[in-house]
């Protein structure tokens, strides 16, 4: 019983306090825009974007076989061709002028979201004091 209580408390602590949950829930857009700004800055610094692509590669694996009937020997193992997804990153050409315009737009949006977030953070701190 003690272990269950400790496990439950550890799980709840990992989720954050109600104040942190309120702030995280209400500033999700700001964090998304920050991530996009970081990505655009990286693209402009490199001169190209990095695209994540999933391709499927063939590989040989042992096939599943039905169990042998009673008294019969097991069939020999068989190989089958299967596919597995492989995620790769590759360079992608971008319009640097368009990327710079996008970055300026994201920075403008970030300022707007940051102003909104200040009010939300203050409300969350008032509602859930620590």
N, C-alpha and C. Protein backbone atom coordinates (compact mmCIF):
# COMPACT_ATOMS: atom_id res chain seq x y z
N UNK A 1 0.82 -1.18 0.00
CA UNK A 1 0.00 0.00 0.00
C UNK A 1 0.87 1.25 0.00
N UNK A 2 1.95 1.19 0.79
CA UNK A 2 2.87 2.33 0.86
C UNK A 2 3.50 2.59 -0.51
N UNK A 3 3.88 1.52 -1.19
CA UNK A 3 4.50 1.66 -2.51
C UNK A 3 3.54 2.29 -3.51
N UNK A 4 2.28 1.89 -3.45
CA UNK A 4 1.27 2.45 -4.34
C UNK A 4 1.10 3.94 -4.09
N UNK A 5 1.10 4.33 -2.83
CA UNK A 5 0.98 5.73 -2.48
C UNK A 5 2.18 6.52 -2.99
N UNK A 6 3.38 5.98 -2.80
CA UNK A 6 4.59 6.66 -3.29
C UNK A 6 4.59 6.77 -4.81
N UNK A 7 4.16 5.72 -5.47
CA UNK A 7 4.09 5.73 -6.93
C UNK A 7 3.09 6.79 -7.42
N UNK A 8 1.96 6.85 -6.76
CA UNK A 8 0.94 7.84 -7.11
C UNK A 8 1.46 9.25 -6.89
N UNK A 9 2.11 9.49 -5.78
CA UNK A 9 2.66 10.82 -5.50
C UNK A 9 3.75 11.19 -6.50
N UNK A 10 4.59 10.23 -6.86
CA UNK A 10 5.64 10.50 -7.84
C UNK A 10 5.03 10.83 -9.20
N UNK A 11 3.98 10.13 -9.56
CA UNK A 11 3.30 10.39 -10.83
C UNK A 11 2.68 11.78 -10.83
N UNK A 12 2.03 12.14 -9.75
CA UNK A 12 1.42 13.47 -9.66
C UNK A 12 2.48 14.57 -9.68
N UNK A 13 3.60 14.34 -9.01
CA UNK A 13 4.66 15.34 -8.99
C UNK A 13 5.24 15.54 -10.38
N UNK A 14 5.30 14.48 -11.16
CA UNK A 14 5.85 14.57 -12.52
C UNK A 14 4.93 15.38 -13.43
N UNK A 15 3.66 15.46 -13.11
CA UNK A 15 2.71 16.19 -13.94
C UNK A 15 2.76 17.69 -13.70
N UNK A 16 3.37 18.14 -12.64
CA UNK A 16 3.46 19.56 -12.33
C UNK A 16 2.36 19.98 -11.38
N UNK A 17 2.58 21.13 -10.79
CA UNK A 17 1.59 21.68 -9.88
C UNK A 17 0.41 22.21 -10.68
N UNK A 18 -0.72 22.44 -10.04
CA UNK A 18 -1.86 23.01 -10.77
C UNK A 18 -1.50 24.34 -11.45
N UNK A 19 -0.66 25.14 -10.78
CA UNK A 19 -0.23 26.41 -11.39
C UNK A 19 0.57 26.16 -12.67
N UNK A 20 1.51 25.22 -12.62
CA UNK A 20 2.31 24.90 -13.80
C UNK A 20 1.44 24.33 -14.91
N UNK A 21 0.47 23.49 -14.55
CA UNK A 21 -0.43 22.93 -15.55
C UNK A 21 -1.26 24.03 -16.21
N UNK A 22 -1.72 24.97 -15.43
CA UNK A 22 -2.52 26.09 -15.95
C UNK A 22 -1.67 26.93 -16.91
N UNK A 23 -0.45 27.24 -16.51
CA UNK A 23 0.44 28.04 -17.35
C UNK A 23 0.78 27.29 -18.63
N UNK A 24 1.12 26.00 -18.51
CA UNK A 24 1.46 25.20 -19.70
C UNK A 24 0.29 25.09 -20.67
N UNK A 25 -0.88 24.88 -20.12
CA UNK A 25 -2.07 24.73 -20.96
C UNK A 25 -2.38 26.02 -21.73
N UNK A 26 -2.14 27.16 -21.10
CA UNK A 26 -2.51 28.43 -21.70
C UNK A 26 -1.39 29.12 -22.47
N UNK A 27 -0.21 28.54 -22.48
CA UNK A 27 0.90 29.13 -23.24
C UNK A 27 1.42 28.17 -24.31
N UNK A 28 0.62 27.21 -24.67
CA UNK A 28 1.02 26.21 -25.68
C UNK A 28 1.34 26.87 -27.02
N UNK A 29 0.52 27.84 -27.44
CA UNK A 29 0.76 28.52 -28.72
C UNK A 29 2.09 29.28 -28.70
N UNK A 30 2.40 29.91 -27.59
CA UNK A 30 3.65 30.64 -27.47
C UNK A 30 4.85 29.70 -27.61
N UNK A 31 4.78 28.55 -26.98
CA UNK A 31 5.87 27.57 -27.10
C UNK A 31 5.99 27.05 -28.53
N UNK A 32 4.86 26.86 -29.20
CA UNK A 32 4.89 26.41 -30.60
C UNK A 32 5.54 27.46 -31.49
N UNK A 33 5.18 28.72 -31.30
CA UNK A 33 5.78 29.80 -32.10
C UNK A 33 7.27 29.90 -31.80
N UNK A 34 7.67 29.74 -30.54
CA UNK A 34 9.11 29.75 -30.20
C UNK A 34 9.85 28.65 -30.94
N UNK A 35 9.25 27.46 -31.01
CA UNK A 35 9.88 26.35 -31.71
C UNK A 35 10.00 26.65 -33.20
N UNK A 36 8.97 27.25 -33.78
CA UNK A 36 9.00 27.59 -35.21
C UNK A 36 10.03 28.69 -35.50
N UNK A 37 10.17 29.64 -34.58
CA UNK A 37 11.18 30.70 -34.74
C UNK A 37 12.57 30.07 -34.74
N UNK A 38 12.80 29.16 -33.80
CA UNK A 38 14.10 28.48 -33.72
C UNK A 38 14.39 27.71 -35.01
N UNK A 39 13.38 27.05 -35.53
CA UNK A 39 13.54 26.29 -36.78
C UNK A 39 13.86 27.22 -37.95
N UNK A 40 13.14 28.34 -38.05
CA UNK A 40 13.38 29.29 -39.15
C UNK A 40 14.77 29.91 -39.04
N UNK A 41 15.19 30.24 -37.84
CA UNK A 41 16.54 30.80 -37.66
C UNK A 41 17.59 29.80 -38.09
N UNK A 42 17.40 28.54 -37.75
CA UNK A 42 18.32 27.49 -38.18
C UNK A 42 18.34 27.34 -39.69
N UNK A 43 17.17 27.39 -40.31
CA UNK A 43 17.09 27.29 -41.77
C UNK A 43 17.85 28.43 -42.44
N UNK A 44 17.66 29.65 -41.94
CA UNK A 44 18.35 30.80 -42.53
C UNK A 44 19.86 30.71 -42.31
N UNK A 45 20.27 30.25 -41.14
CA UNK A 45 21.71 30.12 -40.86
C UNK A 45 22.36 29.08 -41.78
N UNK A 46 21.65 27.97 -42.03
CA UNK A 46 22.19 26.92 -42.89
C UNK A 46 22.04 27.25 -44.36
N UNK A 47 20.94 27.92 -44.70
CA UNK A 47 20.64 28.20 -46.09
C UNK A 47 19.72 27.15 -46.71
N UNK A 48 19.26 26.22 -45.93
CA UNK A 48 18.33 25.19 -46.38
C UNK A 48 17.58 24.64 -45.17
N UNK A 49 16.48 23.98 -45.44
CA UNK A 49 15.69 23.36 -44.38
C UNK A 49 16.09 21.89 -44.25
N UNK A 50 15.74 21.32 -43.12
CA UNK A 50 15.95 19.89 -42.90
C UNK A 50 14.57 19.26 -42.82
N UNK A 51 14.34 18.30 -43.69
CA UNK A 51 13.05 17.64 -43.79
C UNK A 51 13.17 16.21 -43.25
N UNK A 52 12.21 15.81 -42.46
CA UNK A 52 12.18 14.45 -41.93
C UNK A 52 11.30 13.61 -42.85
N UNK A 53 11.87 12.52 -43.35
CA UNK A 53 11.17 11.66 -44.30
C UNK A 53 11.21 10.22 -43.77
N UNK A 54 10.09 9.54 -43.88
CA UNK A 54 10.05 8.13 -43.50
C UNK A 54 10.02 7.30 -44.78
N UNK A 55 11.00 6.41 -44.87
CA UNK A 55 11.05 5.48 -46.00
C UNK A 55 10.92 4.07 -45.43
N UNK A 56 10.57 3.15 -46.28
CA UNK A 56 10.41 1.76 -45.85
C UNK A 56 11.48 0.91 -46.51
N UNK A 57 12.25 0.22 -45.68
CA UNK A 57 13.31 -0.64 -46.18
C UNK A 57 12.90 -2.10 -46.04
N UNK A 58 13.25 -2.89 -47.02
CA UNK A 58 12.98 -4.32 -46.96
C UNK A 58 14.03 -5.02 -46.10
N UNK A 59 13.60 -6.04 -45.41
CA UNK A 59 14.54 -6.88 -44.66
C UNK A 59 13.95 -8.28 -44.55
N UNK A 60 14.85 -9.22 -44.34
CA UNK A 60 14.43 -10.62 -44.21
C UNK A 60 14.19 -10.93 -42.74
N UNK A 61 13.08 -11.61 -42.47
CA UNK A 61 12.73 -12.01 -41.11
C UNK A 61 12.14 -13.41 -41.16
N UNK A 62 12.17 -14.06 -40.03
CA UNK A 62 11.56 -15.39 -39.95
C UNK A 62 10.04 -15.24 -39.91
N UNK A 63 9.35 -16.00 -40.74
CA UNK A 63 7.89 -15.96 -40.83
C UNK A 63 7.29 -16.70 -39.64
N UNK A 64 6.14 -16.21 -39.24
CA UNK A 64 5.38 -16.96 -38.24
C UNK A 64 4.69 -18.11 -38.95
N UNK A 65 4.73 -19.26 -38.31
CA UNK A 65 4.10 -20.43 -38.91
C UNK A 65 3.13 -21.03 -37.92
N UNK A 66 2.07 -21.63 -38.43
CA UNK A 66 1.13 -22.25 -37.49
C UNK A 66 1.80 -23.41 -36.78
N UNK A 67 1.36 -23.67 -35.57
CA UNK A 67 1.96 -24.80 -34.85
C UNK A 67 1.67 -26.11 -35.58
N UNK A 68 2.59 -27.04 -35.53
CA UNK A 68 2.36 -28.33 -36.23
C UNK A 68 1.25 -29.12 -35.54
N UNK A 69 0.62 -29.97 -36.31
CA UNK A 69 -0.41 -30.84 -35.74
C UNK A 69 0.26 -31.82 -34.80
N UNK A 70 -0.51 -32.34 -33.90
CA UNK A 70 0.05 -33.25 -32.90
C UNK A 70 0.68 -34.46 -33.58
N UNK A 71 1.89 -34.76 -33.19
CA UNK A 71 2.60 -35.90 -33.74
C UNK A 71 3.41 -35.58 -34.99
N UNK A 72 3.22 -34.40 -35.57
CA UNK A 72 3.99 -34.03 -36.77
C UNK A 72 5.20 -33.20 -36.35
N UNK A 73 6.27 -33.33 -37.13
CA UNK A 73 7.44 -32.52 -36.78
C UNK A 73 7.20 -31.04 -37.13
N UNK A 74 7.88 -30.18 -36.43
CA UNK A 74 7.75 -28.74 -36.70
C UNK A 74 8.35 -28.44 -38.07
N UNK A 75 7.72 -27.59 -38.84
CA UNK A 75 8.27 -27.25 -40.15
C UNK A 75 9.55 -26.44 -39.98
N UNK A 76 10.44 -26.52 -40.95
CA UNK A 76 11.68 -25.74 -40.82
C UNK A 76 11.37 -24.25 -40.89
N UNK A 77 12.20 -23.44 -40.25
CA UNK A 77 11.96 -22.00 -40.29
C UNK A 77 12.02 -21.48 -41.72
N UNK A 78 11.21 -20.49 -42.00
CA UNK A 78 11.14 -19.90 -43.32
C UNK A 78 11.42 -18.40 -43.23
N UNK A 79 12.10 -17.87 -44.23
CA UNK A 79 12.35 -16.44 -44.27
C UNK A 79 11.31 -15.75 -45.15
N UNK A 80 10.89 -14.57 -44.71
CA UNK A 80 9.93 -13.77 -45.47
C UNK A 80 10.49 -12.36 -45.61
N UNK A 81 10.12 -11.73 -46.68
CA UNK A 81 10.52 -10.35 -46.89
C UNK A 81 9.51 -9.45 -46.18
N UNK A 82 10.02 -8.54 -45.36
CA UNK A 82 9.16 -7.63 -44.61
C UNK A 82 9.69 -6.21 -44.78
N UNK A 83 8.94 -5.24 -44.30
CA UNK A 83 9.35 -3.84 -44.38
C UNK A 83 9.42 -3.26 -42.98
N UNK A 84 10.34 -2.30 -42.82
CA UNK A 84 10.38 -1.56 -41.56
C UNK A 84 10.55 -0.08 -41.90
N UNK A 85 9.88 0.79 -41.13
CA UNK A 85 10.01 2.22 -41.39
C UNK A 85 11.35 2.73 -40.88
N UNK A 86 12.00 3.57 -41.67
CA UNK A 86 13.25 4.19 -41.28
C UNK A 86 13.09 5.69 -41.50
N UNK A 87 13.31 6.46 -40.46
CA UNK A 87 13.17 7.91 -40.55
C UNK A 87 14.53 8.51 -40.84
N UNK A 88 14.56 9.36 -41.86
CA UNK A 88 15.81 10.01 -42.26
C UNK A 88 15.59 11.50 -42.36
N UNK A 89 16.66 12.25 -42.17
CA UNK A 89 16.61 13.69 -42.38
C UNK A 89 17.36 14.01 -43.66
N UNK A 90 16.78 14.91 -44.45
CA UNK A 90 17.45 15.28 -45.69
C UNK A 90 17.29 16.78 -45.91
N UNK A 91 18.22 17.35 -46.65
CA UNK A 91 18.20 18.77 -46.94
C UNK A 91 17.06 19.08 -47.91
N UNK A 92 16.47 20.26 -47.75
CA UNK A 92 15.40 20.69 -48.63
C UNK A 92 15.64 22.14 -48.99
N UNK A 93 15.62 22.45 -50.27
CA UNK A 93 15.83 23.82 -50.73
C UNK A 93 14.65 24.69 -50.30
N UNK A 94 14.97 25.92 -49.88
CA UNK A 94 13.93 26.86 -49.49
C UNK A 94 14.21 28.22 -50.12
N UNK A 95 13.19 29.04 -50.19
CA UNK A 95 13.33 30.42 -50.63
C UNK A 95 13.74 31.22 -49.40
N UNK A 96 14.98 31.70 -49.38
CA UNK A 96 15.51 32.37 -48.19
C UNK A 96 14.77 33.67 -47.91
N UNK A 97 14.34 34.38 -48.95
CA UNK A 97 13.58 35.62 -48.74
C UNK A 97 12.23 35.32 -48.08
N UNK A 98 11.58 34.29 -48.55
CA UNK A 98 10.30 33.88 -47.96
C UNK A 98 10.50 33.42 -46.52
N UNK A 99 11.57 32.71 -46.26
CA UNK A 99 11.87 32.24 -44.91
C UNK A 99 12.11 33.42 -43.97
N UNK A 100 12.80 34.46 -44.46
CA UNK A 100 13.05 35.66 -43.65
C UNK A 100 11.73 36.38 -43.36
N UNK A 101 10.84 36.45 -44.35
CA UNK A 101 9.51 37.06 -44.13
C UNK A 101 8.72 36.25 -43.10
N UNK A 102 8.81 34.95 -43.22
CA UNK A 102 8.10 34.08 -42.27
C UNK A 102 8.64 34.30 -40.85
N UNK A 103 9.96 34.42 -40.73
CA UNK A 103 10.57 34.64 -39.42
C UNK A 103 10.12 35.97 -38.83
N UNK A 104 10.07 37.03 -39.64
CA UNK A 104 9.60 38.33 -39.16
C UNK A 104 8.15 38.23 -38.68
N UNK A 105 7.34 37.51 -39.43
CA UNK A 105 5.93 37.33 -39.07
C UNK A 105 5.81 36.55 -37.76
N UNK A 106 6.61 35.52 -37.60
CA UNK A 106 6.59 34.72 -36.36
C UNK A 106 7.03 35.55 -35.16
N UNK A 107 8.03 36.40 -35.35
CA UNK A 107 8.50 37.25 -34.24
C UNK A 107 7.41 38.25 -33.83
N UNK A 108 6.68 38.77 -34.81
CA UNK A 108 5.57 39.68 -34.51
C UNK A 108 4.49 38.94 -33.73
N UNK A 109 4.16 37.75 -34.19
CA UNK A 109 3.14 36.93 -33.52
C UNK A 109 3.59 36.57 -32.11
N UNK A 110 4.89 36.31 -31.93
CA UNK A 110 5.41 35.97 -30.62
C UNK A 110 5.23 37.11 -29.63
N UNK A 111 5.48 38.35 -30.08
CA UNK A 111 5.29 39.51 -29.20
C UNK A 111 3.84 39.60 -28.74
N UNK A 112 2.92 39.39 -29.67
CA UNK A 112 1.50 39.42 -29.36
C UNK A 112 1.13 38.32 -28.36
N UNK A 113 1.62 37.11 -28.60
CA UNK A 113 1.32 35.99 -27.70
C UNK A 113 1.97 36.19 -26.34
N UNK A 114 3.16 36.79 -26.30
CA UNK A 114 3.84 37.03 -25.02
C UNK A 114 3.04 38.02 -24.18
N UNK A 115 2.47 39.05 -24.82
CA UNK A 115 1.64 40.01 -24.08
C UNK A 115 0.40 39.30 -23.50
N UNK A 116 -0.21 38.44 -24.30
CA UNK A 116 -1.37 37.70 -23.83
C UNK A 116 -0.98 36.73 -22.71
N UNK A 117 0.18 36.13 -22.84
CA UNK A 117 0.63 35.15 -21.85
C UNK A 117 0.88 35.78 -20.50
N UNK A 118 1.35 37.03 -20.48
CA UNK A 118 1.59 37.70 -19.20
C UNK A 118 0.31 37.74 -18.37
N UNK A 119 -0.81 38.07 -19.01
CA UNK A 119 -2.09 38.13 -18.32
C UNK A 119 -2.51 36.75 -17.83
N UNK A 120 -2.32 35.76 -18.69
CA UNK A 120 -2.71 34.39 -18.34
C UNK A 120 -1.86 33.87 -17.20
N UNK A 121 -0.57 34.12 -17.26
CA UNK A 121 0.33 33.65 -16.19
C UNK A 121 -0.04 34.30 -14.87
N UNK A 122 -0.34 35.61 -14.89
CA UNK A 122 -0.75 36.29 -13.67
C UNK A 122 -2.06 35.70 -13.13
N UNK A 123 -2.99 35.39 -14.02
CA UNK A 123 -4.27 34.79 -13.59
C UNK A 123 -4.04 33.40 -13.00
N UNK A 124 -3.17 32.62 -13.62
CA UNK A 124 -2.87 31.28 -13.10
C UNK A 124 -2.21 31.36 -11.73
N UNK A 125 -1.31 32.32 -11.56
CA UNK A 125 -0.63 32.48 -10.26
C UNK A 125 -1.61 32.94 -9.19
N UNK A 126 -2.57 33.77 -9.59
CA UNK A 126 -3.59 34.21 -8.62
C UNK A 126 -4.53 33.06 -8.27
N UNK A 127 -4.89 32.27 -9.26
CA UNK A 127 -5.83 31.18 -9.05
C UNK A 127 -5.20 30.02 -8.29
N UNK A 128 -3.92 29.75 -8.56
CA UNK A 128 -3.21 28.61 -7.94
C UNK A 128 -1.92 29.09 -7.28
N UNK A 129 -1.99 29.81 -6.16
CA UNK A 129 -0.75 30.26 -5.53
C UNK A 129 0.03 29.06 -4.99
N UNK A 130 1.35 29.16 -5.06
CA UNK A 130 2.18 28.02 -4.59
C UNK A 130 2.67 28.24 -3.18
